[in-house]
């Protein structure tokens, strides 16, 4: 069974499509853990409407906004599945994403996998040419992995310690770096099984902050500022 984890914050326009893309998966044996991180729009009502129609949907609420990193760790602790799967609240998963990722991981005997993605409203694939480079090399310069497409054994995620809460931004880059430093191999599927929103998301709105924390990952230092 898979535990899908998705923190959400003020995403009333996008979250219905994200949720539906999970509920329509051909692989159906999962629980969908959604944490409302102090939203002030109608996100909470939307989440409740899906909870009422599908028993796999489980809703949790933060009293105030604590950010993505801490919210992810809360959901990791609540997960009951053998695997953890990420989903971002403004992205979309291909209907066969879980089915194909689990088959890939079984075939390759891997505890972790990601996929390539297409940019929303575009045919652009990411990673592009860098997909064909060794990812263990690419990560020294940038994060080559699509965070929202991550599937990882729950026991391994907990062994690694989850997400580093000092990294309010670039928490995915830090996680993947930690995974590789623990001598684990991360498989990346060539297929695009994820649709990535690149407009008005955390990475674009807080681009400068993301860069500051990403530099800390590359330099193997702690971020000089905390949030």
Protein backbone atom coordinates (compact mmCIF):
# COMPACT_ATOMS: atom_id res chain seq x y z
CA UNK A 1 0.00 0.00 0.00
CA UNK A 2 1.05 3.56 -0.73
CA UNK A 3 0.65 6.56 1.55
CA UNK A 4 0.29 9.62 -0.65
CA UNK A 5 1.32 12.78 1.23
CA UNK A 6 0.28 16.27 0.15
CA UNK A 7 0.44 19.45 2.26
CA UNK A 8 -1.77 22.24 0.89
CA UNK A 9 -1.94 25.98 1.44
CA UNK A 10 -4.37 28.41 -0.23
CA UNK A 11 -4.68 26.43 -3.46
CA UNK A 12 -8.43 26.44 -4.08
CA UNK A 13 -8.02 26.81 -7.86
CA UNK A 14 -5.57 23.96 -8.38
CA UNK A 15 -6.10 21.39 -5.64
CA UNK A 16 -9.23 19.74 -7.16
CA UNK A 17 -7.24 18.66 -10.22
CA UNK A 18 -4.37 17.42 -8.05
CA UNK A 19 -6.71 15.35 -5.88
CA UNK A 20 -8.63 13.91 -8.83
CA UNK A 21 -5.39 12.85 -10.51
CA UNK A 22 -4.62 10.71 -7.45
CA UNK A 23 -8.11 9.31 -7.00
CA UNK A 24 -8.12 8.23 -10.66
CA UNK A 25 -4.92 6.15 -10.35
CA UNK A 26 -5.10 2.68 -11.87
CA UNK A 27 -3.24 1.44 -8.76
CA UNK A 28 -5.93 1.85 -6.13
CA UNK A 29 -4.40 0.50 -2.91
CA UNK A 30 -3.42 3.74 -1.22
CA UNK A 31 -4.33 6.20 1.50
CA UNK A 32 -4.29 9.88 0.61
CA UNK A 33 -3.03 12.00 3.51
CA UNK A 34 -3.66 15.72 3.00
CA UNK A 35 -2.55 18.36 5.48
CA UNK A 36 -4.22 21.77 5.30
CA UNK A 37 -1.44 24.10 6.39
CA UNK A 38 -3.52 26.99 7.72
CA UNK A 39 -5.29 27.94 4.48
CA UNK A 40 -7.47 31.07 4.56
CA UNK A 41 -9.35 30.48 1.28
CA UNK A 42 -11.87 27.74 0.43
CA UNK A 43 -9.21 25.00 0.31
CA UNK A 44 -10.46 23.45 3.56
CA UNK A 45 -14.02 23.10 2.26
CA UNK A 46 -12.76 21.52 -0.96
CA UNK A 47 -10.73 18.96 0.98
CA UNK A 48 -13.72 18.03 3.13
CA UNK A 49 -15.86 17.47 0.04
CA UNK A 50 -13.40 14.87 -1.24
CA UNK A 51 -13.08 13.23 2.18
CA UNK A 52 -16.82 12.62 2.14
CA UNK A 53 -16.81 10.85 -1.22
CA UNK A 54 -13.66 8.71 -0.92
CA UNK A 55 -12.65 6.93 2.29
CA UNK A 56 -9.01 6.84 1.19
CA UNK A 57 -8.81 10.61 1.68
CA UNK A 58 -7.75 11.61 5.20
CA UNK A 59 -7.62 15.28 6.15
CA UNK A 60 -5.43 16.86 8.83
CA UNK A 61 -5.21 20.52 9.80
CA UNK A 62 -2.51 22.83 11.12
CA UNK A 63 -3.82 25.65 13.31
CA UNK A 64 -1.44 28.03 11.55
CA UNK A 65 0.86 27.94 8.55
CA UNK A 66 4.10 26.13 9.44
CA UNK A 67 5.47 25.55 5.95
CA UNK A 68 6.00 22.65 3.60
CA UNK A 69 8.98 21.00 5.31
CA UNK A 70 7.45 20.53 8.75
CA UNK A 71 4.08 19.62 7.23
CA UNK A 72 5.68 16.84 5.19
CA UNK A 73 7.32 15.38 8.29
CA UNK A 74 3.98 15.39 10.10
CA UNK A 75 2.43 13.35 7.28
CA UNK A 76 5.39 10.95 7.16
CA UNK A 77 4.76 10.15 10.83
CA UNK A 78 1.08 9.47 10.12
CA UNK A 79 1.69 7.23 7.09
CA UNK A 80 0.79 3.53 7.32
CA UNK A 81 1.84 2.45 3.84
CA UNK A 82 4.89 0.50 2.79
CA UNK A 83 5.69 3.30 0.35
CA UNK A 84 5.41 7.09 0.51
CA UNK A 85 4.39 8.97 -2.62
CA UNK A 86 4.58 12.74 -2.99
CA UNK A 87 2.07 14.91 -4.77
CA UNK A 88 2.08 18.70 -4.93
CA UNK A 89 -1.22 20.51 -4.64
CA UNK A 90 -0.86 22.39 -7.95
CA UNK A 91 0.46 19.49 -10.05
CA UNK A 92 -1.13 16.48 -11.77
CA UNK A 93 -0.13 12.80 -11.80
CA UNK A 94 -0.62 10.58 -14.83
CA UNK A 95 -3.32 7.93 -14.14
CA UNK A 96 -0.77 5.11 -14.37
CA UNK A 97 1.94 6.85 -12.37
CA UNK A 98 1.77 4.62 -9.26
CA UNK A 99 1.28 1.43 -11.26
CA UNK A 100 4.27 2.11 -13.49
CA UNK A 101 6.55 3.42 -10.73
CA UNK A 102 6.00 0.36 -8.55
CA UNK A 103 6.61 -1.95 -11.52
CA UNK A 104 9.81 -0.04 -12.33
CA UNK A 105 11.03 -0.19 -8.72
CA UNK A 106 10.29 -3.92 -8.51
CA UNK A 107 12.04 -4.64 -11.80
CA UNK A 108 15.11 -2.54 -10.92
CA UNK A 109 15.06 -3.60 -7.25
CA UNK A 110 15.10 0.04 -6.12
CA UNK A 111 13.67 1.56 -2.92
CA UNK A 112 13.25 5.01 -4.50
CA UNK A 113 12.06 6.37 -7.83
CA UNK A 114 11.06 9.60 -9.52
CA UNK A 115 9.81 10.33 -13.03
CA UNK A 116 10.31 13.00 -15.61
CA UNK A 117 7.59 15.60 -16.01
CA UNK A 118 5.96 17.83 -18.56
CA UNK A 119 5.55 21.52 -17.90
CA UNK A 120 1.88 22.44 -17.56
CA UNK A 121 0.44 23.89 -20.80
CA UNK A 122 3.62 22.94 -22.66
CA UNK A 123 5.26 19.96 -24.31
CA UNK A 124 8.58 20.70 -22.60
CA UNK A 125 10.00 17.75 -20.68
CA UNK A 126 12.08 18.13 -17.54
CA UNK A 127 14.71 17.19 -16.94
CA UNK A 128 15.58 17.57 -20.62
CA UNK A 129 19.07 16.82 -21.85
CA UNK A 130 20.35 16.57 -18.28
CA UNK A 131 18.25 13.42 -17.90
CA UNK A 132 20.95 11.61 -19.88
CA UNK A 133 23.73 12.77 -17.52
CA UNK A 134 24.64 10.88 -14.33
CA UNK A 135 22.28 12.30 -11.71
CA UNK A 136 24.91 11.81 -9.01
CA UNK A 137 26.94 14.39 -10.96
CA UNK A 138 24.07 16.73 -11.80
CA UNK A 139 23.02 17.08 -8.17
CA UNK A 140 26.30 18.85 -7.39
CA UNK A 141 25.02 21.77 -9.48
CA UNK A 142 21.20 21.56 -9.30
CA UNK A 143 18.40 19.28 -8.19
CA UNK A 144 17.77 16.89 -11.10
CA UNK A 145 14.74 15.19 -9.53
CA UNK A 146 11.03 16.06 -9.69
CA UNK A 147 10.01 16.19 -6.02
CA UNK A 148 6.29 15.68 -6.62
CA UNK A 149 6.95 12.41 -8.46
CA UNK A 150 8.86 10.80 -5.59
CA UNK A 151 8.00 7.28 -4.41
CA UNK A 152 10.16 5.91 -1.59
CA UNK A 153 10.01 3.07 0.91
CA UNK A 154 8.53 4.50 4.12
CA UNK A 155 11.07 2.71 6.32
CA UNK A 156 13.94 4.25 4.36
CA UNK A 157 12.48 7.76 4.55
CA UNK A 158 12.18 7.42 8.32
CA UNK A 159 15.69 5.96 8.58
CA UNK A 160 17.07 8.99 6.73
CA UNK A 161 15.18 11.21 9.17
CA UNK A 162 12.62 12.68 6.79
CA UNK A 163 13.03 16.25 5.65
CA UNK A 164 15.63 18.50 7.29
CA UNK A 165 13.52 21.14 9.05
CA UNK A 166 16.33 23.70 8.89
CA UNK A 167 15.59 23.83 5.16
CA UNK A 168 12.38 25.82 4.94
CA UNK A 169 13.15 26.10 1.21
CA UNK A 170 14.91 23.62 -1.11
CA UNK A 171 13.89 20.82 1.24
CA UNK A 172 13.60 18.45 -1.71
CA UNK A 173 17.14 19.22 -2.90
CA UNK A 174 18.42 18.55 0.62
CA UNK A 175 16.46 15.29 0.85
CA UNK A 176 17.77 13.92 -2.44
CA UNK A 177 21.30 14.96 -1.49
CA UNK A 178 20.95 13.15 1.85
CA UNK A 179 19.61 10.04 0.11
CA UNK A 180 22.57 9.86 -2.26
CA UNK A 181 25.03 10.45 0.59
CA UNK A 182 23.52 7.40 2.32
CA UNK A 183 24.62 5.34 -0.70
CA UNK A 184 21.09 4.78 -1.97
CA UNK A 185 20.36 4.82 -5.70
CA UNK A 186 17.49 6.96 -6.97
CA UNK A 187 15.86 5.66 -10.13
CA UNK A 188 14.40 8.17 -12.57
CA UNK A 189 11.94 6.89 -15.14
CA UNK A 190 12.28 8.17 -18.69
CA UNK A 191 8.51 8.44 -19.02
CA UNK A 192 6.76 11.70 -18.13
CA UNK A 193 4.22 10.64 -15.50
CA UNK A 194 3.80 14.02 -13.85
CA UNK A 195 2.57 17.46 -14.96
CA UNK A 196 4.44 20.27 -13.25
CA UNK A 197 3.07 23.75 -12.61
CA UNK A 198 5.84 26.35 -12.87
CA UNK A 199 3.76 29.52 -12.52
CA UNK A 200 3.13 31.25 -9.20
CA UNK A 201 4.42 28.29 -7.20
CA UNK A 202 6.84 28.25 -4.25
CA UNK A 203 9.87 27.90 -6.48
CA UNK A 204 9.03 31.00 -8.49
CA UNK A 205 7.48 33.21 -5.81
CA UNK A 206 10.38 32.61 -3.42
CA UNK A 207 13.11 32.19 -6.03
CA UNK A 208 15.75 34.14 -4.09
CA UNK A 209 15.09 32.20 -0.89
CA UNK A 210 15.20 28.93 -2.81
CA UNK A 211 18.60 29.88 -4.23
CA UNK A 212 19.98 30.72 -0.78
CA UNK A 213 18.98 27.35 0.65
CA UNK A 214 20.07 25.49 -2.49
CA UNK A 215 23.55 26.96 -2.13
CA UNK A 216 23.67 25.58 1.40
CA UNK A 217 22.90 22.11 0.01
CA UNK A 218 25.64 22.35 -2.62
CA UNK A 219 28.16 23.63 -0.05
CA UNK A 220 27.09 21.06 2.52
CA UNK A 221 26.45 23.80 5.09
CA UNK A 222 23.49 24.86 7.19
CA UNK A 223 21.37 27.69 5.77
CA UNK A 224 22.51 31.01 7.22
CA UNK A 225 18.95 32.04 7.90
CA UNK A 226 16.04 30.09 9.32
CA UNK A 227 12.30 30.71 8.99
